[in-house]
Amino acid sequence: MQPTRHPTSLSEHFVSIIDPRVDRTKEHRLEDILMIALCAMLCGAESFVDFADFGRAKEDWLRTFLALPHGIPGHDTFGRVFAALDPKAFSECFRNWRRVCVWPWTPKSSPSTARPCGAAMTAPVARSPSTW
């Protein structure tokens, strides 16, 4: 019997989030918007302007795993999308991803192994896009 496969990719966990936007206004893919925002938050971004700045600073890297057919969304796009998203659904998806990623790395299984899904930062987070 094979073990149950749990998705570990962030994008796999966020496919259940319903895109609240009207079809004719969807210039950027919801997956791209969410992934840029999450990566930016993990690097210390605190606002929609920070999300857009992070996206522009890391666009080459982001294009290695995101489609970005219309480039990086602007801060106003991030604001509109997050204002319309169901916060409970978003939170649940993120918690489920975090739970699946952290579970195999409990101290009991391997205390010396680095956490693959991100550990708490021990040093101050740089806020400048040039240091991202």
Protein backbone atom coordinates (compact mmCIF):
# COMPACT_ATOMS: atom_id res chain seq x y z
CA MET A 1 0.00 0.00 0.00
CA GLN A 2 1.46 3.36 -1.04
CA PRO A 3 1.45 6.24 1.42
CA THR A 4 -1.04 9.04 0.86
CA ARG A 5 0.47 11.81 -1.24
CA HIS A 6 0.08 15.23 0.31
CA PRO A 7 0.64 18.20 -2.01
CA THR A 8 3.55 20.33 -0.82
CA SER A 9 3.48 23.00 -3.52
CA LEU A 10 1.87 26.25 -2.46
CA SER A 11 0.07 26.48 -5.79
CA GLU A 12 -1.44 23.01 -5.26
CA HIS A 13 -2.90 24.16 -1.95
CA PHE A 14 -4.37 27.36 -3.36
CA VAL A 15 -6.24 25.85 -6.33
CA SER A 16 -9.38 25.66 -4.20
CA ILE A 17 -9.53 29.43 -3.71
CA ILE A 18 -12.25 30.93 -5.87
CA ASP A 19 -11.14 33.87 -8.00
CA PRO A 20 -13.62 36.64 -7.11
CA ARG A 21 -12.80 38.81 -10.11
CA VAL A 22 -14.97 39.32 -13.18
CA ASP A 23 -13.53 37.42 -16.16
CA ARG A 24 -13.04 40.53 -18.29
CA THR A 25 -10.88 42.13 -15.57
CA LYS A 26 -8.47 39.21 -15.12
CA GLU A 27 -5.23 40.49 -16.61
CA HIS A 28 -3.06 38.59 -14.10
CA ARG A 29 -3.55 34.98 -13.03
CA LEU A 30 -4.75 34.52 -9.44
CA GLU A 31 -2.03 31.92 -8.86
CA ASP A 32 0.65 34.45 -9.88
CA ILE A 33 -0.78 37.14 -7.61
CA LEU A 34 -0.96 34.82 -4.60
CA MET A 35 2.50 33.36 -5.14
CA ILE A 36 4.17 36.76 -5.49
CA ALA A 37 2.39 38.00 -2.37
CA LEU A 38 3.33 34.92 -0.33
CA CYS A 39 6.96 35.00 -1.42
CA ALA A 40 7.11 38.70 -0.67
CA MET A 41 5.54 38.22 2.79
CA LEU A 42 8.04 35.46 3.60
CA CYS A 43 10.76 38.00 2.77
CA GLY A 44 9.27 40.66 5.03
CA ALA A 45 6.90 42.60 2.77
CA GLU A 46 4.13 44.31 4.71
CA SER A 47 2.04 46.11 2.10
CA PHE A 48 0.68 45.82 -1.42
CA VAL A 49 3.33 48.31 -2.55
CA ASP A 50 5.96 45.97 -1.04
CA PHE A 51 4.44 43.03 -2.97
CA ALA A 52 4.72 44.91 -6.28
CA ASP A 53 8.26 46.12 -5.46
CA PHE A 54 9.32 42.59 -4.56
CA GLY A 55 7.80 41.24 -7.77
CA ARG A 56 9.67 43.75 -9.92
CA ALA A 57 12.94 43.12 -8.06
CA LYS A 58 12.61 39.32 -8.41
CA GLU A 59 10.81 39.08 -11.74
CA ASP A 60 13.49 36.96 -13.43
CA TRP A 61 13.37 34.43 -10.59
CA LEU A 62 9.54 34.47 -10.40
CA ARG A 63 9.34 33.71 -14.15
CA THR A 64 11.10 30.39 -13.48
CA PHE A 65 7.88 29.04 -11.91
CA LEU A 66 5.09 31.54 -12.71
CA ALA A 67 3.54 32.36 -16.09
CA LEU A 68 3.27 36.16 -15.60
CA PRO A 69 1.69 36.73 -19.04
CA HIS A 70 1.28 40.46 -18.33
CA GLY A 71 4.28 40.98 -16.08
CA ILE A 72 4.15 41.85 -12.40
CA PRO A 73 0.84 43.13 -11.04
CA GLY A 74 0.79 46.63 -9.59
CA HIS A 75 0.05 47.44 -5.96
CA ASP A 76 -3.52 48.40 -6.82
CA THR A 77 -4.13 44.94 -8.34
CA PHE A 78 -2.84 43.24 -5.20
CA GLY A 79 -5.11 45.46 -3.12
CA ARG A 80 -8.24 44.77 -5.17
CA VAL A 81 -7.64 41.01 -5.27
CA PHE A 82 -6.94 40.64 -1.56
CA ALA A 83 -9.93 42.84 -0.69
CA ALA A 84 -12.18 40.49 -2.67
CA LEU A 85 -10.70 37.14 -1.54
CA ASP A 86 -12.37 35.03 1.11
CA PRO A 87 -9.97 35.47 4.06
CA LYS A 88 -11.06 32.24 5.75
CA ALA A 89 -10.43 30.17 2.61
CA PHE A 90 -7.03 31.82 2.08
CA SER A 91 -6.02 31.26 5.70
CA GLU A 92 -7.15 27.63 5.62
CA CYS A 93 -5.17 26.91 2.45
CA PHE A 94 -2.04 28.49 3.90
CA ARG A 95 -2.38 26.60 7.19
CA ASN A 96 -2.87 23.32 5.35
CA TRP A 97 0.26 23.92 3.27
CA ARG A 98 2.26 24.83 6.35
CA ARG A 99 1.02 21.75 8.23
CA VAL A 100 2.00 19.40 5.37
CA CYS A 101 5.42 20.99 4.92
CA VAL A 102 6.38 21.07 8.58
CA TRP A 103 5.06 17.64 9.57
CA PRO A 104 7.99 15.56 8.18
CA TRP A 105 10.50 17.92 9.78
CA THR A 106 9.47 17.62 13.39
CA PRO A 107 12.39 17.61 15.85
CA LYS A 108 11.76 13.93 16.58
CA SER A 109 12.46 12.87 12.98
CA SER A 110 15.53 14.97 12.20
CA PRO A 111 16.58 17.78 14.52
CA SER A 112 19.58 18.80 12.43
CA THR A 113 17.75 19.05 9.10
CA ALA A 114 16.88 22.50 7.83
CA ARG A 115 13.18 23.14 7.32
CA PRO A 116 12.43 23.15 3.60
CA CYS A 117 9.33 25.32 3.82
CA GLY A 118 10.85 28.19 5.74
CA ALA A 119 11.72 28.59 9.35
CA ALA A 120 11.29 31.60 11.56
CA MET A 121 13.85 34.26 10.78
CA THR A 122 16.38 34.88 13.54
CA ALA A 123 17.89 37.98 11.97
CA PRO A 124 16.04 41.21 11.16
CA VAL A 125 14.35 41.16 7.78
CA ALA A 126 15.64 43.70 5.26
CA ARG A 127 12.83 45.93 3.99
CA SER A 128 14.53 47.44 0.96
CA PRO A 129 13.70 45.89 -2.44
CA SER A 130 17.36 46.21 -3.40
CA THR A 131 18.28 43.71 -0.66
CA TRP A 132 15.62 41.16 -1.64
